[in-house]
Amino acid sequence: RRALWLQIGPLPSNYYVRRIRYNGHAVDDIFLADPDAPLQELEVDCAAGAGAMSGSVVDQDGKTVPGMRVLATPWPARVAYTYPGDLMEATTDASGGFSFPQLRPGKFKVLAVAPAERPGLEKPGRLMALFEGLDPVEIGEGASVFQRIGILKLR
């Protein structure tokens, strides 16, 4: 068996990968291929109706903060070596805003940290522990969700 990583995209605006099947079995974008199988069939089902998450990062006084690192992952996360495998990152713009377009419908967890604290999330298990303590955000098919999130202090 051989591990394969399937990269699909870029997809047209508003589309997402609904499901992937390999030889009749549902798989993620990383899966074990069987080179000895008599049939090598890969089915990728894409659909219109991607969701989106946007929002702003605010400080303790409720003021928006530019330049913050925003991290999001589908939930439950697919973990690879104690790290979320589908991690997405953005930096807030001049008005403290962020955006994650073309999301597959489902639950996500999102957090924000100062750029200087971002390297601290590389410690094994640290980022997953932070995500586990957060409430998930539900993104429906074709839905656009706005979130106001505070900045996590890691020290």
N, C-alpha and C. Protein backbone atom coordinates (compact mmCIF):
# COMPACT_ATOMS: atom_id res chain seq x y z
N ARG A 1 0.83 -1.19 0.00
CA ARG A 1 0.00 0.00 0.00
C ARG A 1 0.86 1.24 0.00
N ARG A 2 0.31 2.28 -0.57
CA ARG A 2 1.06 3.51 -0.70
C ARG A 2 0.16 4.69 -0.33
N ALA A 3 0.67 5.59 0.52
CA ALA A 3 -0.10 6.77 0.90
C ALA A 3 -0.11 7.77 -0.24
N LEU A 4 -1.29 8.27 -0.56
CA LEU A 4 -1.46 9.30 -1.59
C LEU A 4 -2.10 10.53 -0.98
N TRP A 5 -1.67 11.68 -1.46
CA TRP A 5 -2.25 12.95 -1.04
C TRP A 5 -2.86 13.58 -2.28
N LEU A 6 -4.16 13.74 -2.26
CA LEU A 6 -4.89 14.26 -3.40
C LEU A 6 -5.13 15.76 -3.20
N GLN A 7 -4.63 16.56 -4.12
CA GLN A 7 -4.87 18.00 -4.08
C GLN A 7 -5.83 18.35 -5.20
N ILE A 8 -6.94 18.96 -4.83
CA ILE A 8 -7.98 19.30 -5.80
C ILE A 8 -8.15 20.81 -5.82
N GLY A 9 -8.03 21.40 -6.98
CA GLY A 9 -8.27 22.82 -7.04
C GLY A 9 -7.27 23.51 -7.96
N PRO A 10 -7.46 24.77 -8.15
CA PRO A 10 -8.50 25.56 -7.51
C PRO A 10 -9.87 25.26 -8.12
N LEU A 11 -10.87 25.31 -7.26
CA LEU A 11 -12.24 25.08 -7.70
C LEU A 11 -12.89 26.41 -8.06
N PRO A 12 -13.91 26.38 -8.89
CA PRO A 12 -14.64 27.62 -9.18
C PRO A 12 -15.21 28.21 -7.89
N SER A 13 -15.38 29.50 -7.89
CA SER A 13 -15.95 30.19 -6.74
C SER A 13 -17.26 29.53 -6.32
N ASN A 14 -17.47 29.37 -5.03
CA ASN A 14 -18.67 28.79 -4.43
C ASN A 14 -18.72 27.27 -4.51
N TYR A 15 -17.66 26.59 -4.94
CA TYR A 15 -17.64 25.13 -4.99
C TYR A 15 -16.75 24.58 -3.88
N TYR A 16 -17.04 23.37 -3.46
CA TYR A 16 -16.23 22.66 -2.47
C TYR A 16 -16.24 21.18 -2.80
N VAL A 17 -15.30 20.43 -2.22
CA VAL A 17 -15.25 18.98 -2.41
C VAL A 17 -16.19 18.36 -1.40
N ARG A 18 -17.27 17.75 -1.89
CA ARG A 18 -18.27 17.15 -1.00
C ARG A 18 -17.81 15.79 -0.48
N ARG A 19 -17.23 14.97 -1.36
CA ARG A 19 -16.74 13.66 -0.93
C ARG A 19 -15.77 13.10 -1.95
N ILE A 20 -14.91 12.19 -1.45
CA ILE A 20 -13.94 11.50 -2.29
C ILE A 20 -14.10 10.00 -2.04
N ARG A 21 -14.14 9.23 -3.11
CA ARG A 21 -14.25 7.77 -2.98
C ARG A 21 -13.13 7.13 -3.80
N TYR A 22 -12.49 6.13 -3.20
CA TYR A 22 -11.43 5.38 -3.87
C TYR A 22 -11.84 3.91 -3.86
N ASN A 23 -11.96 3.35 -5.04
CA ASN A 23 -12.40 1.95 -5.19
C ASN A 23 -13.65 1.66 -4.37
N GLY A 24 -14.60 2.59 -4.42
CA GLY A 24 -15.89 2.40 -3.77
C GLY A 24 -15.95 2.75 -2.30
N HIS A 25 -14.85 3.22 -1.70
CA HIS A 25 -14.82 3.53 -0.27
C HIS A 25 -14.57 5.02 -0.06
N ALA A 26 -15.28 5.60 0.89
CA ALA A 26 -15.08 7.01 1.24
C ALA A 26 -13.69 7.19 1.84
N VAL A 27 -12.96 8.20 1.36
CA VAL A 27 -11.63 8.51 1.86
C VAL A 27 -11.49 10.02 2.04
N ASP A 28 -10.46 10.43 2.78
CA ASP A 28 -10.09 11.84 2.87
C ASP A 28 -9.15 12.14 1.72
N ASP A 29 -8.59 13.35 1.72
CA ASP A 29 -7.66 13.69 0.64
C ASP A 29 -6.29 13.03 0.82
N ILE A 30 -6.04 12.41 1.97
CA ILE A 30 -4.86 11.58 2.18
C ILE A 30 -5.37 10.17 2.46
N PHE A 31 -4.95 9.20 1.65
CA PHE A 31 -5.47 7.85 1.82
C PHE A 31 -4.44 6.83 1.35
N LEU A 32 -4.68 5.57 1.72
CA LEU A 32 -3.79 4.48 1.29
C LEU A 32 -4.34 3.87 0.01
N ALA A 33 -3.53 3.88 -1.02
CA ALA A 33 -3.91 3.28 -2.30
C ALA A 33 -3.42 1.85 -2.34
N ASP A 34 -4.17 1.00 -3.01
CA ASP A 34 -3.81 -0.40 -3.15
C ASP A 34 -3.36 -0.65 -4.59
N PRO A 35 -2.05 -0.67 -4.85
CA PRO A 35 -1.57 -0.83 -6.23
C PRO A 35 -1.93 -2.18 -6.84
N ASP A 36 -2.29 -3.16 -5.99
CA ASP A 36 -2.64 -4.49 -6.50
C ASP A 36 -4.12 -4.67 -6.77
N ALA A 37 -4.91 -3.66 -6.47
CA ALA A 37 -6.36 -3.76 -6.71
C ALA A 37 -6.61 -3.87 -8.21
N PRO A 38 -7.55 -4.73 -8.61
CA PRO A 38 -7.81 -4.89 -10.05
C PRO A 38 -8.41 -3.63 -10.67
N LEU A 39 -9.05 -2.82 -9.86
CA LEU A 39 -9.67 -1.59 -10.35
C LEU A 39 -9.09 -0.41 -9.59
N GLN A 40 -8.71 0.62 -10.29
CA GLN A 40 -8.19 1.85 -9.67
C GLN A 40 -9.17 2.96 -10.03
N GLU A 41 -10.17 3.14 -9.19
CA GLU A 41 -11.20 4.13 -9.48
C GLU A 41 -11.20 5.21 -8.41
N LEU A 42 -11.11 6.45 -8.84
CA LEU A 42 -11.14 7.59 -7.94
C LEU A 42 -12.31 8.48 -8.34
N GLU A 43 -13.20 8.74 -7.40
CA GLU A 43 -14.37 9.58 -7.66
C GLU A 43 -14.31 10.79 -6.74
N VAL A 44 -14.33 11.99 -7.33
CA VAL A 44 -14.32 13.23 -6.58
C VAL A 44 -15.63 13.95 -6.89
N ASP A 45 -16.42 14.17 -5.85
CA ASP A 45 -17.72 14.82 -6.00
C ASP A 45 -17.62 16.25 -5.49
N CYS A 46 -17.72 17.21 -6.40
CA CYS A 46 -17.70 18.63 -6.05
C CYS A 46 -19.11 19.19 -6.15
N ALA A 47 -19.40 20.17 -5.31
CA ALA A 47 -20.75 20.73 -5.30
C ALA A 47 -20.71 22.24 -5.13
N ALA A 48 -21.72 22.90 -5.67
CA ALA A 48 -21.89 24.33 -5.42
C ALA A 48 -22.45 24.48 -4.02
N GLY A 49 -22.26 25.63 -3.42
CA GLY A 49 -22.82 25.87 -2.09
C GLY A 49 -21.78 25.89 -0.98
N ALA A 50 -20.54 26.24 -1.34
CA ALA A 50 -19.52 26.36 -0.30
C ALA A 50 -19.93 27.43 0.70
N GLY A 51 -19.54 27.25 1.92
CA GLY A 51 -19.80 28.26 2.94
C GLY A 51 -18.61 29.20 3.07
N ALA A 52 -18.74 30.17 3.96
CA ALA A 52 -17.66 31.12 4.20
C ALA A 52 -17.73 31.59 5.64
N MET A 53 -16.57 31.91 6.19
CA MET A 53 -16.51 32.50 7.51
C MET A 53 -15.68 33.77 7.41
N SER A 54 -16.21 34.84 7.92
CA SER A 54 -15.46 36.09 8.00
C SER A 54 -15.70 36.65 9.38
N GLY A 55 -14.97 37.68 9.71
CA GLY A 55 -15.17 38.26 11.03
C GLY A 55 -14.12 39.27 11.35
N SER A 56 -14.06 39.58 12.64
CA SER A 56 -13.07 40.53 13.12
C SER A 56 -12.49 40.02 14.43
N VAL A 57 -11.26 40.41 14.67
CA VAL A 57 -10.58 40.09 15.92
C VAL A 57 -10.63 41.34 16.78
N VAL A 58 -11.05 41.17 18.03
CA VAL A 58 -11.21 42.31 18.93
C VAL A 58 -10.37 42.12 20.19
N ASP A 59 -9.95 43.25 20.77
CA ASP A 59 -9.20 43.20 22.02
C ASP A 59 -10.17 43.22 23.20
N GLN A 60 -9.65 43.32 24.41
CA GLN A 60 -10.49 43.29 25.61
C GLN A 60 -11.48 44.44 25.67
N ASP A 61 -11.17 45.54 24.98
CA ASP A 61 -12.07 46.70 24.97
C ASP A 61 -13.06 46.65 23.81
N GLY A 62 -13.02 45.58 23.02
CA GLY A 62 -13.92 45.44 21.89
C GLY A 62 -13.46 46.15 20.63
N LYS A 63 -12.24 46.65 20.63
CA LYS A 63 -11.71 47.35 19.45
C LYS A 63 -11.07 46.32 18.52
N THR A 64 -11.26 46.51 17.22
CA THR A 64 -10.68 45.59 16.24
C THR A 64 -9.16 45.75 16.21
N VAL A 65 -8.47 44.64 15.90
CA VAL A 65 -7.01 44.62 15.95
C VAL A 65 -6.45 44.12 14.62
N PRO A 66 -5.69 44.96 13.90
CA PRO A 66 -5.06 44.50 12.66
C PRO A 66 -3.83 43.65 12.95
N GLY A 67 -3.45 42.82 11.96
CA GLY A 67 -2.20 42.07 12.04
C GLY A 67 -2.22 40.84 12.93
N MET A 68 -3.37 40.39 13.39
CA MET A 68 -3.44 39.20 14.23
C MET A 68 -3.49 37.96 13.34
N ARG A 69 -2.97 36.84 13.85
CA ARG A 69 -3.02 35.56 13.13
C ARG A 69 -4.32 34.86 13.53
N VAL A 70 -5.12 34.48 12.55
CA VAL A 70 -6.37 33.76 12.78
C VAL A 70 -6.20 32.35 12.23
N LEU A 71 -6.50 31.35 13.05
CA LEU A 71 -6.35 29.95 12.67
C LEU A 71 -7.70 29.27 12.78
N ALA A 72 -8.02 28.45 11.80
CA ALA A 72 -9.29 27.72 11.79
C ALA A 72 -9.06 26.31 11.30
N THR A 73 -9.88 25.38 11.81
CA THR A 73 -9.79 23.99 11.38
C THR A 73 -11.18 23.38 11.39
N PRO A 74 -11.48 22.49 10.43
CA PRO A 74 -12.74 21.74 10.52
C PRO A 74 -12.75 20.96 11.84
N TRP A 75 -13.93 20.74 12.39
CA TRP A 75 -14.05 20.02 13.66
C TRP A 75 -15.04 18.89 13.56
N PRO A 76 -14.70 17.70 14.01
CA PRO A 76 -13.43 17.35 14.66
C PRO A 76 -12.28 17.40 13.66
N ALA A 77 -11.13 17.78 14.18
CA ALA A 77 -9.95 17.97 13.33
C ALA A 77 -9.35 16.62 12.94
N ARG A 78 -8.81 16.59 11.75
CA ARG A 78 -8.03 15.44 11.33
C ARG A 78 -6.60 15.73 11.79
N VAL A 79 -6.12 14.93 12.72
CA VAL A 79 -4.84 15.21 13.37
C VAL A 79 -3.71 14.43 12.71
N ALA A 80 -2.62 15.13 12.43
CA ALA A 80 -1.40 14.52 11.89
C ALA A 80 -0.24 14.93 12.80
N TYR A 81 0.29 13.96 13.53
CA TYR A 81 1.42 14.25 14.44
C TYR A 81 1.06 15.34 15.44
N THR A 82 -0.07 15.22 16.12
CA THR A 82 -0.58 16.14 17.14
C THR A 82 -0.89 17.53 16.60
N TYR A 83 -1.07 17.68 15.30
CA TYR A 83 -1.32 18.97 14.67
C TYR A 83 -2.53 18.83 13.75
N PRO A 84 -3.42 19.81 13.73
CA PRO A 84 -4.57 19.69 12.82
C PRO A 84 -4.14 19.69 11.36
N GLY A 85 -4.51 18.65 10.63
CA GLY A 85 -4.07 18.47 9.26
C GLY A 85 -4.67 19.43 8.25
N ASP A 86 -5.84 19.99 8.56
CA ASP A 86 -6.52 20.88 7.62
C ASP A 86 -6.51 22.32 8.12
N LEU A 87 -5.46 22.72 8.79
CA LEU A 87 -5.37 24.05 9.39
C LEU A 87 -5.34 25.12 8.30
N MET A 88 -6.13 26.17 8.51
CA MET A 88 -6.16 27.33 7.63
C MET A 88 -5.70 28.53 8.45
N GLU A 89 -5.00 29.45 7.81
CA GLU A 89 -4.52 30.64 8.51
C GLU A 89 -4.78 31.89 7.69
N ALA A 90 -5.03 32.98 8.41
CA ALA A 90 -5.21 34.29 7.78
C ALA A 90 -4.63 35.33 8.72
N THR A 91 -4.34 36.49 8.19
CA THR A 91 -3.90 37.63 8.99
C THR A 91 -4.96 38.71 8.88
N THR A 92 -5.34 39.31 10.01
CA THR A 92 -6.36 40.35 9.95
C THR A 92 -5.84 41.56 9.18
N ASP A 93 -6.75 42.18 8.44
CA ASP A 93 -6.40 43.34 7.63
C ASP A 93 -6.35 44.61 8.49
N ALA A 94 -6.22 45.75 7.84
CA ALA A 94 -6.08 47.03 8.56
C ALA A 94 -7.27 47.34 9.46
N SER A 95 -8.43 46.78 9.15
CA SER A 95 -9.61 47.02 9.99
C SER A 95 -9.87 45.86 10.95
N GLY A 96 -8.92 44.92 11.07
CA GLY A 96 -9.08 43.80 11.99
C GLY A 96 -9.91 42.66 11.45
N GLY A 97 -10.20 42.69 10.16
CA GLY A 97 -11.06 41.67 9.55
C GLY A 97 -10.28 40.49 8.98
N PHE A 98 -10.96 39.35 8.89
CA PHE A 98 -10.38 38.14 8.29
C PHE A 98 -11.46 37.43 7.49
N SER A 99 -11.03 36.51 6.62
CA SER A 99 -11.99 35.77 5.80
C SER A 99 -11.44 34.39 5.44
N PHE A 100 -12.31 33.39 5.52
CA PHE A 100 -12.02 32.04 5.03
C PHE A 100 -13.13 31.68 4.05
N PRO A 101 -12.89 31.87 2.73
CA PRO A 101 -13.92 31.56 1.73
C PRO A 101 -13.88 30.08 1.34
N GLN A 102 -14.87 29.66 0.60
CA GLN A 102 -14.96 28.31 0.02
C GLN A 102 -14.76 27.20 1.05
N LEU A 103 -15.52 27.25 2.12
CA LEU A 103 -15.44 26.22 3.15
C LEU A 103 -16.45 25.11 2.88
N ARG A 104 -16.02 23.90 3.16
CA ARG A 104 -16.93 22.75 3.10
C ARG A 104 -17.90 22.89 4.27
N PRO A 105 -19.19 22.73 4.05
CA PRO A 105 -20.14 22.86 5.16
C PRO A 105 -19.78 21.91 6.31
N GLY A 106 -19.97 22.38 7.52
CA GLY A 106 -19.66 21.59 8.71
C GLY A 106 -19.26 22.48 9.86
N LYS A 107 -18.67 21.87 10.88
CA LYS A 107 -18.25 22.61 12.07
C LYS A 107 -16.78 23.00 11.95
N PHE A 108 -16.46 24.18 12.49
CA PHE A 108 -15.09 24.69 12.50
C PHE A 108 -14.81 25.30 13.87
N LYS A 109 -13.54 25.29 14.23
CA LYS A 109 -13.09 26.01 15.42
C LYS A 109 -12.09 27.03 14.95
N VAL A 110 -12.14 28.23 15.58
CA VAL A 110 -11.32 29.35 15.13
C VAL A 110 -10.76 30.08 16.35
N LEU A 111 -9.51 30.53 16.22
CA LEU A 111 -8.87 31.30 17.29
C LEU A 111 -7.94 32.33 16.69
N ALA A 112 -7.56 33.32 17.51
CA ALA A 112 -6.66 34.38 17.07
C ALA A 112 -5.55 34.55 18.09
N VAL A 113 -4.34 34.77 17.60
CA VAL A 113 -3.18 35.03 18.45
C VAL A 113 -2.36 36.16 17.83
N ALA A 114 -1.56 36.80 18.68
CA ALA A 114 -0.63 37.81 18.19
C ALA A 114 0.46 37.09 17.38
N PRO A 115 0.97 37.74 16.32
CA PRO A 115 2.00 37.10 15.50
C PRO A 115 3.21 36.61 16.31
N ALA A 116 3.60 37.35 17.33
CA ALA A 116 4.76 36.96 18.14
C ALA A 116 4.50 35.66 18.91
N GLU A 117 3.22 35.35 19.15
CA GLU A 117 2.88 34.14 19.90
C GLU A 117 2.61 32.94 18.99
N ARG A 118 2.53 33.16 17.68
CA ARG A 118 2.23 32.07 16.75
C ARG A 118 3.23 30.91 16.84
N PRO A 119 4.55 31.16 16.96
CA PRO A 119 5.49 30.04 17.05
C PRO A 119 5.23 29.12 18.25
N GLY A 120 4.66 29.65 19.33
CA GLY A 120 4.37 28.85 20.51
C GLY A 120 3.33 27.78 20.26
N LEU A 121 2.57 27.90 19.18
CA LEU A 121 1.55 26.89 18.85
C LEU A 121 2.15 25.66 18.19
N GLU A 122 3.44 25.71 17.86
CA GLU A 122 4.10 24.58 17.22
C GLU A 122 4.50 23.48 18.20
N LYS A 123 4.41 23.75 19.50
CA LYS A 123 4.73 22.73 20.50
C LYS A 123 3.72 21.59 20.35
N PRO A 124 4.19 20.33 20.38
CA PRO A 124 3.28 19.19 20.18
C PRO A 124 2.06 19.25 21.11
N GLY A 125 0.90 19.15 20.50
CA GLY A 125 -0.36 19.11 21.24
C GLY A 125 -0.91 20.45 21.67
N ARG A 126 -0.14 21.52 21.58
CA ARG A 126 -0.57 22.83 22.09
C ARG A 126 -1.77 23.40 21.33
N LEU A 127 -1.68 23.41 20.02
CA LEU A 127 -2.75 23.98 19.22
C LEU A 127 -4.04 23.17 19.37
N MET A 128 -3.93 21.85 19.34
CA MET A 128 -5.12 21.00 19.49
C MET A 128 -5.77 21.23 20.85
N ALA A 129 -4.97 21.38 21.90
CA ALA A 129 -5.53 21.63 23.24
C ALA A 129 -6.31 22.95 23.26
N LEU A 130 -5.80 23.97 22.58
CA LEU A 130 -6.52 25.24 22.52
C LEU A 130 -7.83 25.10 21.74
N PHE A 131 -7.77 24.43 20.61
CA PHE A 131 -8.99 24.24 19.81
C PHE A 131 -10.04 23.44 20.60
N GLU A 132 -9.60 22.43 21.33
CA GLU A 132 -10.55 21.59 22.07
C GLU A 132 -11.34 22.38 23.09
N GLY A 133 -10.78 23.47 23.61
CA GLY A 133 -11.48 24.28 24.60
C GLY A 133 -12.44 25.30 24.02
N LEU A 134 -12.58 25.34 22.71
CA LEU A 134 -13.44 26.33 22.05
C LEU A 134 -14.75 25.72 21.57
N ASP A 135 -15.77 26.55 21.46
CA ASP A 135 -17.04 26.11 20.89
C ASP A 135 -16.94 26.12 19.36
N PRO A 136 -17.54 25.13 18.71
CA PRO A 136 -17.49 25.11 17.24
C PRO A 136 -18.45 26.12 16.61
N VAL A 137 -18.13 26.51 15.40
CA VAL A 137 -18.98 27.38 14.57
C VAL A 137 -19.52 26.51 13.45
N GLU A 138 -20.84 26.53 13.27
CA GLU A 138 -21.47 25.72 12.22
C GLU A 138 -21.57 26.55 10.94
N ILE A 139 -21.06 25.98 9.85
CA ILE A 139 -21.15 26.62 8.53
C ILE A 139 -22.07 25.75 7.67
N GLY A 140 -23.22 26.28 7.30
CA GLY A 140 -24.15 25.55 6.46
C GLY A 140 -23.83 25.70 4.98
N GLU A 141 -24.42 24.85 4.17
CA GLU A 141 -24.19 24.91 2.73
C GLU A 141 -24.64 26.27 2.21
N GLY A 142 -23.74 26.97 1.56
CA GLY A 142 -24.03 28.29 0.99
C GLY A 142 -24.11 29.40 2.02
N ALA A 143 -23.85 29.09 3.30
CA ALA A 143 -23.98 30.09 4.36
C ALA A 143 -22.70 30.89 4.53
N SER A 144 -22.86 32.13 4.93
CA SER A 144 -21.74 32.99 5.26
C SER A 144 -21.91 33.41 6.71
N VAL A 145 -20.94 33.06 7.55
CA VAL A 145 -21.02 33.31 8.99
C VAL A 145 -20.01 34.38 9.37
N PHE A 146 -20.44 35.30 10.25
CA PHE A 146 -19.55 36.35 10.75
C PHE A 146 -19.25 36.08 12.22
N GLN A 147 -17.97 36.12 12.59
CA GLN A 147 -17.54 35.84 13.96
C GLN A 147 -16.72 37.01 14.50
N ARG A 148 -16.97 37.39 15.75
CA ARG A 148 -16.09 38.32 16.47
C ARG A 148 -15.34 37.46 17.47
N ILE A 149 -14.02 37.43 17.35
CA ILE A 149 -13.25 36.59 18.25
C ILE A 149 -12.22 37.42 19.00
N GLY A 150 -11.95 37.01 20.23
CA GLY A 150 -10.94 37.65 21.05
C GLY A 150 -9.58 37.04 20.80
N ILE A 151 -8.57 37.69 21.31
CA ILE A 151 -7.19 37.25 21.13
C ILE A 151 -6.82 36.33 22.30
N LEU A 152 -6.31 35.13 21.99
CA LEU A 152 -5.85 34.22 23.04
C LEU A 152 -4.48 34.65 23.53
N LYS A 153 -4.31 34.64 24.84
CA LYS A 153 -3.01 34.90 25.46
C LYS A 153 -2.41 33.55 25.80
N LEU A 154 -1.22 33.25 25.30
CA LEU A 154 -0.63 31.94 25.47
C LEU A 154 0.29 31.84 26.69
N ARG A 155 0.64 32.91 27.29
CA ARG A 155 1.60 32.85 28.39
C ARG A 155 0.96 32.66 29.71
